[in-house]
C-alpha atoms as a PDB file:
ATOM      1  CA  MET A   1      50.624 111.569 115.363  1.00  0.00           C
ATOM      2  CA  GLN A   2      51.690 112.391 119.080  1.00  0.00           C
ATOM      3  CA  ARG A   3      52.025 108.364 119.390  1.00  0.00           C
ATOM      4  CA  ARG A   4      54.313 107.940 115.898  1.00  0.00           C
ATOM      5  CA  ARG A   5      56.358 111.104 117.359  1.00  0.00           C
ATOM      6  CA  LYS A   6      57.351 109.195 120.939  1.00  0.00           C
ATOM      7  CA  SER A   7      57.537 106.082 118.680  1.00  0.00           C
ATOM      8  CA  LEU A   8      60.172 107.895 116.143  1.00  0.00           C
ATOM      9  CA  ILE A   9      61.918 109.662 119.243  1.00  0.00           C
ATOM     10  CA  LEU A  10      62.276 106.658 121.119  1.00  0.00           C
ATOM     11  CA  GLY A  11      63.577 104.596 118.324  1.00  0.00           C
ATOM     12  CA  ILE A  12      66.212 107.229 117.609  1.00  0.00           C
ATOM     13  CA  ILE A  13      67.101 107.060 121.314  1.00  0.00           C
ATOM     14  CA  CYS A  14      67.448 103.047 121.439  1.00  0.00           C
ATOM     15  CA  CYS A  15      69.489 103.687 118.009  1.00  0.00           C
ATOM     16  CA  TRP A  16      71.772 106.033 119.599  1.00  0.00           C
ATOM     17  CA  LEU A  17      72.214 104.009 122.802  1.00  0.00           C
ATOM     18  CA  GLY A  18      73.185 100.426 120.896  1.00  0.00           C
ATOM     19  CA  PHE A  19      75.323 102.071 118.783  1.00  0.00           C
ATOM     20  CA  SER A  20      77.381 103.952 121.653  1.00  0.00           C
ATOM     21  CA  ALA A  21      77.446 100.685 123.673  1.00  0.00           C
ATOM     22  CA  CYS A  22      79.050  99.039 120.754  1.00  0.00           C
ATOM     23  CA  GLU A  23      82.099 101.765 120.415  1.00  0.00           C
ATOM     24  CA  ARG A  24      85.416 100.154 120.328  1.00  0.00           C
ATOM     25  CA  GLU A  25      86.650  99.931 124.301  1.00  0.00           C
ATOM     26  CA  GLN A  26      89.082 102.439 125.075  1.00  0.00           C
ATOM     27  CA  ALA A  27      92.896 100.852 125.454  1.00  0.00           C
ATOM     28  CA  ILE A  28      94.411 100.569 129.041  1.00  0.00           C
ATOM     29  CA  PRO A  29      96.837 103.197 128.758  1.00  0.00           C
ATOM     30  CA  SER A  30     100.064 101.946 129.740  1.00  0.00           C
ATOM     31  CA  LYS A  31     102.455 103.338 132.373  1.00  0.00           C
ATOM     32  CA  VAL A  32     105.152 104.131 131.062  1.00  0.00           C
ATOM     33  CA  ASP A  33     107.878 106.668 131.987  1.00  0.00           C
ATOM     34  CA  GLU A  34     107.790 109.960 129.541  1.00  0.00           C
ATOM     35  CA  ALA A  35     111.277 109.397 128.655  1.00  0.00           C
ATOM     36  CA  LEU A  36     110.542 106.189 127.514  1.00  0.00           C
ATOM     37  CA  GLN A  37     107.952 106.479 125.710  1.00  0.00           C
ATOM     38  CA  PRO A  38     109.138 107.577 122.250  1.00  0.00           C
ATOM     39  CA  TYR A  39     111.931 104.486 122.344  1.00  0.00           C
ATOM     40  CA  PHE A  40     108.306 102.162 122.746  1.00  0.00           C
ATOM     41  CA  GLU A  41     106.709 103.996 119.611  1.00  0.00           C
ATOM     42  CA  ARG A  42     109.950 103.410 118.237  1.00  0.00           C
ATOM     43  CA  PHE A  43     109.660  99.872 118.848  1.00  0.00           C
ATOM     44  CA  ASP A  44     105.695  99.437 117.880  1.00  0.00           C
ATOM     45  CA  GLN A  45     107.239 101.044 114.417  1.00  0.00           C
ATOM     46  CA  GLU A  46     110.106  98.764 113.900  1.00  0.00           C
ATOM     47  CA  ALA A  47     107.303  95.676 114.596  1.00  0.00           C
ATOM     48  CA  ARG A  48     104.590  96.861 112.568  1.00  0.00           C
ATOM     49  CA  ALA A  49     107.254  97.309 109.576  1.00  0.00           C
ATOM     50  CA  ARG A  50     108.596  93.602 109.963  1.00  0.00           C
ATOM     51  CA  GLY A  51     104.649  92.644 109.865  1.00  0.00           C
ATOM     52  CA  TYR A  52     104.076  92.303 114.003  1.00  0.00           C
ATOM     53  CA  ASP A  53     101.754  94.275 116.086  1.00  0.00           C
ATOM     54  CA  PHE A  54     102.447  93.812 119.991  1.00  0.00           C
ATOM     55  CA  SER A  55     100.261  97.017 120.750  1.00  0.00           C
ATOM     56  CA  LEU A  56      98.157  94.833 123.175  1.00  0.00           C
ATOM     57  CA  GLU A  57     101.511  93.591 125.164  1.00  0.00           C
ATOM     58  CA  MET A  58     103.056  96.932 124.935  1.00  0.00           C
ATOM     59  CA  GLU A  59      99.734  98.616 126.419  1.00  0.00           C
ATOM     60  CA  GLU A  60      99.876  96.001 129.785  1.00  0.00           C
ATOM     61  CA  LEU A  61     103.600  97.138 130.218  1.00  0.00           C
ATOM     62  CA  GLU A  62     104.949  99.572 133.010  1.00  0.00           C
ATOM     63  CA  ALA A  63     108.184 101.172 132.356  1.00  0.00           C
ATOM     64  CA  ASP A  64     110.246 103.577 134.713  1.00  0.00           C
ATOM     65  CA  ILE A  65     113.644 105.183 134.914  1.00  0.00           C
ATOM     66  CA  ILE A  66     115.193 104.046 138.143  1.00  0.00           C
ATOM     67  CA  GLY A  67     118.265 103.643 140.514  1.00  0.00           C
ATOM     68  CA  ILE A  68     119.406  99.883 139.444  1.00  0.00           C
ATOM     69  CA  GLU A  69     121.984  98.972 142.404  1.00  0.00           C
ATOM     70  CA  ARG A  70     123.529  95.848 140.611  1.00  0.00           C
ATOM     71  CA  ASP A  71     126.863  96.450 138.546  1.00  0.00           C
ATOM     72  CA  GLY A  72     126.902  96.196 135.329  1.00  0.00           C
ATOM     73  CA  VAL A  73     122.885  96.114 135.201  1.00  0.00           C
ATOM     74  CA  LEU A  74     121.366  98.842 132.592  1.00  0.00           C
ATOM     75  CA  GLY A  75     118.099  97.901 132.074  1.00  0.00           C
ATOM     76  CA  GLN A  76     115.629  95.049 133.598  1.00  0.00           C
ATOM     77  CA  CYS A  77     112.308  93.131 132.433  1.00  0.00           C
ATOM     78  CA  HIS A  78     110.396  91.887 135.233  1.00  0.00           C
ATOM     79  CA  TYR A  79     107.763  89.089 134.628  1.00  0.00           C
ATOM     80  CA  SER A  80     104.950  88.324 135.990  1.00  0.00           C
ATOM     81  CA  GLU A  81     101.527  86.156 135.310  1.00  0.00           C
ATOM     82  CA  GLN A  82      99.549  88.109 138.148  1.00  0.00           C
ATOM     83  CA  ALA A  83     100.571  92.034 136.894  1.00  0.00           C
ATOM     84  CA  PRO A  84     102.109  93.466 134.189  1.00  0.00           C
ATOM     85  CA  ASN A  85     105.539  93.460 133.279  1.00  0.00           C
ATOM     86  CA  ILE A  86     107.803  95.966 133.907  1.00  0.00           C
ATOM     87  CA  VAL A  87     110.906  97.678 132.277  1.00  0.00           C
ATOM     88  CA  GLU A  88     112.962  99.295 134.489  1.00  0.00           C
ATOM     89  CA  VAL A  89     116.400 101.326 133.217  1.00  0.00           C
ATOM     90  CA  ASP A  90     119.212 102.638 135.428  1.00  0.00           C
ATOM     91  CA  ASN A  91     118.941 106.383 135.585  1.00  0.00           C
ATOM     92  CA  GLU A  92     122.797 107.330 135.763  1.00  0.00           C
ATOM     93  CA  PHE A  93     122.995 105.038 132.559  1.00  0.00           C
ATOM     94  CA  TRP A  94     120.005 106.867 130.908  1.00  0.00           C
ATOM     95  CA  ALA A  95     121.289 110.196 131.915  1.00  0.00           C
ATOM     96  CA  ASN A  96     124.836 109.865 130.151  1.00  0.00           C
ATOM     97  CA  ALA A  97     123.680 107.651 126.890  1.00  0.00           C
ATOM     98  CA  THR A  98     123.332 108.326 123.316  1.00  0.00           C
ATOM     99  CA  ASP A  99     120.078 108.049 121.590  1.00  0.00           C
ATOM    100  CA  LEU A 100     121.310 104.571 120.271  1.00  0.00           C
ATOM    101  CA  GLU A 101     122.700 103.494 123.570  1.00  0.00           C
ATOM    102  CA  LYS A 102     119.428 103.978 125.085  1.00  0.00           C
ATOM    103  CA  GLU A 103     117.631 102.662 122.032  1.00  0.00           C
ATOM    104  CA  TYR A 104     119.438  99.329 122.599  1.00  0.00           C
ATOM    105  CA  VAL A 105     118.726  98.967 126.096  1.00  0.00           C
ATOM    106  CA  VAL A 106     115.029  99.569 125.844  1.00  0.00           C
ATOM    107  CA  PHE A 107     114.729  97.355 122.880  1.00  0.00           C
ATOM    108  CA  HIS A 108     117.051  94.874 124.532  1.00  0.00           C
ATOM    109  CA  GLU A 109     114.227  95.216 127.376  1.00  0.00           C
ATOM    110  CA  LEU A 110     111.467  94.835 125.219  1.00  0.00           C
ATOM    111  CA  GLY A 111     112.590  91.968 123.564  1.00  0.00           C
ATOM    112  CA  HIS A 112     112.368  89.801 127.177  1.00  0.00           C
ATOM    113  CA  CYS A 113     108.938  91.648 127.994  1.00  0.00           C
ATOM    114  CA  VAL A 114     107.159  91.829 124.637  1.00  0.00           C
ATOM    115  CA  LEU A 115     108.567  89.457 122.601  1.00  0.00           C
ATOM    116  CA  GLY A 116     109.599  86.761 125.148  1.00  0.00           C
ATOM    117  CA  ARG A 117     113.174  86.368 124.023  1.00  0.00           C
ATOM    118  CA  ASN A 118     115.880  84.811 126.220  1.00  0.00           C
ATOM    119  CA  HIS A 119     119.945  85.870 125.966  1.00  0.00           C
ATOM    120  CA  ASP A 120     121.436  85.367 122.913  1.00  0.00           C
ATOM    121  CA  ASP A 121     125.572  85.461 123.044  1.00  0.00           C
ATOM    122  CA  GLY A 122     126.268  84.428 120.053  1.00  0.00           C
ATOM    123  CA  ARG A 123     129.141  86.086 118.358  1.00  0.00           C
ATOM    124  CA  ASN A 124     130.010  87.332 115.091  1.00  0.00           C
ATOM    125  CA  GLY A 125     133.143  86.486 113.024  1.00  0.00           C
ATOM    126  CA  ASP A 126     134.718  89.677 114.066  1.00  0.00           C
ATOM    127  CA  GLY A 127     133.888  89.247 117.805  1.00  0.00           C
ATOM    128  CA  THR A 128     130.829  91.455 117.842  1.00  0.00           C
ATOM    129  CA  CYS A 129     127.682  90.397 119.351  1.00  0.00           C
ATOM    130  CA  SER A 130     125.280  88.618 116.811  1.00  0.00           C
ATOM    131  CA  SER A 131     122.113  89.945 119.133  1.00  0.00           C
ATOM    132  CA  ILE A 132     120.871  92.877 120.829  1.00  0.00           C
ATOM    133  CA  MET A 133     119.637  89.912 123.392  1.00  0.00           C
ATOM    134  CA  GLN A 134     123.433  89.466 124.490  1.00  0.00           C
ATOM    135  CA  SER A 135     123.478  88.977 128.293  1.00  0.00           C
ATOM    136  CA  GLY A 136     126.425  91.110 128.770  1.00  0.00           C
ATOM    137  CA  LEU A 137     128.447  88.119 130.673  1.00  0.00           C
ATOM    138  CA  THR A 138     130.533  87.185 127.675  1.00  0.00           C
ATOM    139  CA  SER A 139     133.138  88.386 125.743  1.00  0.00           C
ATOM    140  CA  CYS A 140     131.212  89.670 122.324  1.00  0.00           C
ATOM    141  CA  ARG A 141     131.591  93.363 122.032  1.00  0.00           C
ATOM    142  CA  VAL A 142     128.624  95.481 121.485  1.00  0.00           C
ATOM    143  CA  SER A 143     128.815  97.359 118.264  1.00  0.00           C
ATOM    144  CA  TYR A 144     125.475  98.854 117.759  1.00  0.00           C
ATOM    145  CA  HIS A 145     124.915 101.888 115.202  1.00  0.00           C
ATOM    146  CA  SER A 146     123.170 103.384 112.507  1.00  0.00           C
ATOM    147  CA  GLU A 147     125.111 101.188 109.892  1.00  0.00           C
ATOM    148  CA  ASN A 148     124.213  97.704 111.270  1.00  0.00           C
ATOM    149  CA  ARG A 149     120.656  99.078 113.056  1.00  0.00           C
ATOM    150  CA  THR A 150     119.010  97.147 110.813  1.00  0.00           C
ATOM    151  CA  LEU A 151     120.503  94.045 110.899  1.00  0.00           C
ATOM    152  CA  TYR A 152     120.273  93.415 114.682  1.00  0.00           C
ATOM    153  CA  LEU A 153     116.309  94.823 114.481  1.00  0.00           C
ATOM    154  CA  ASN A 154     115.605  91.928 111.981  1.00  0.00           C
ATOM    155  CA  GLU A 155     117.745  89.842 113.775  1.00  0.00           C
ATOM    156  CA  LEU A 156     115.485  90.964 117.005  1.00  0.00           C
ATOM    157  CA  PHE A 157     112.139  90.527 115.425  1.00  0.00           C
ATOM    158  CA  GLU A 158     112.641  87.484 113.744  1.00  0.00           C
END
């Protein structure tokens, strides 16, 4: 009886160890500035709503709000094969921007860092930019607001 009991206890311990070893590994948390996190979450929600899952790519990103010295640059994405991609947003812009302006810049940079998109300087007939991915170097006019947000996001995730 004593031997059976030891075998049963040993069996339970082995099963417990086996199951705990098979648990899903925790994802590496991303290093994203707390102020940027809600915009990263929105990007993820919008992607999922359109049938995409970029969570693995986003887990490896780093993002920060810093002083960007280049005139007219509100944000940037640094690509690297050896290290995580890094999104940077200009601190002066961030301090004065509206919620939708912040979203526009963060989504633009995630378009580069997560979606692998290049700049798209296309124009609509009325002179507005046809994509969030516009470079800012052309004459198209940025017009991103609640009424056309869905159109721009559909184009971003095409």
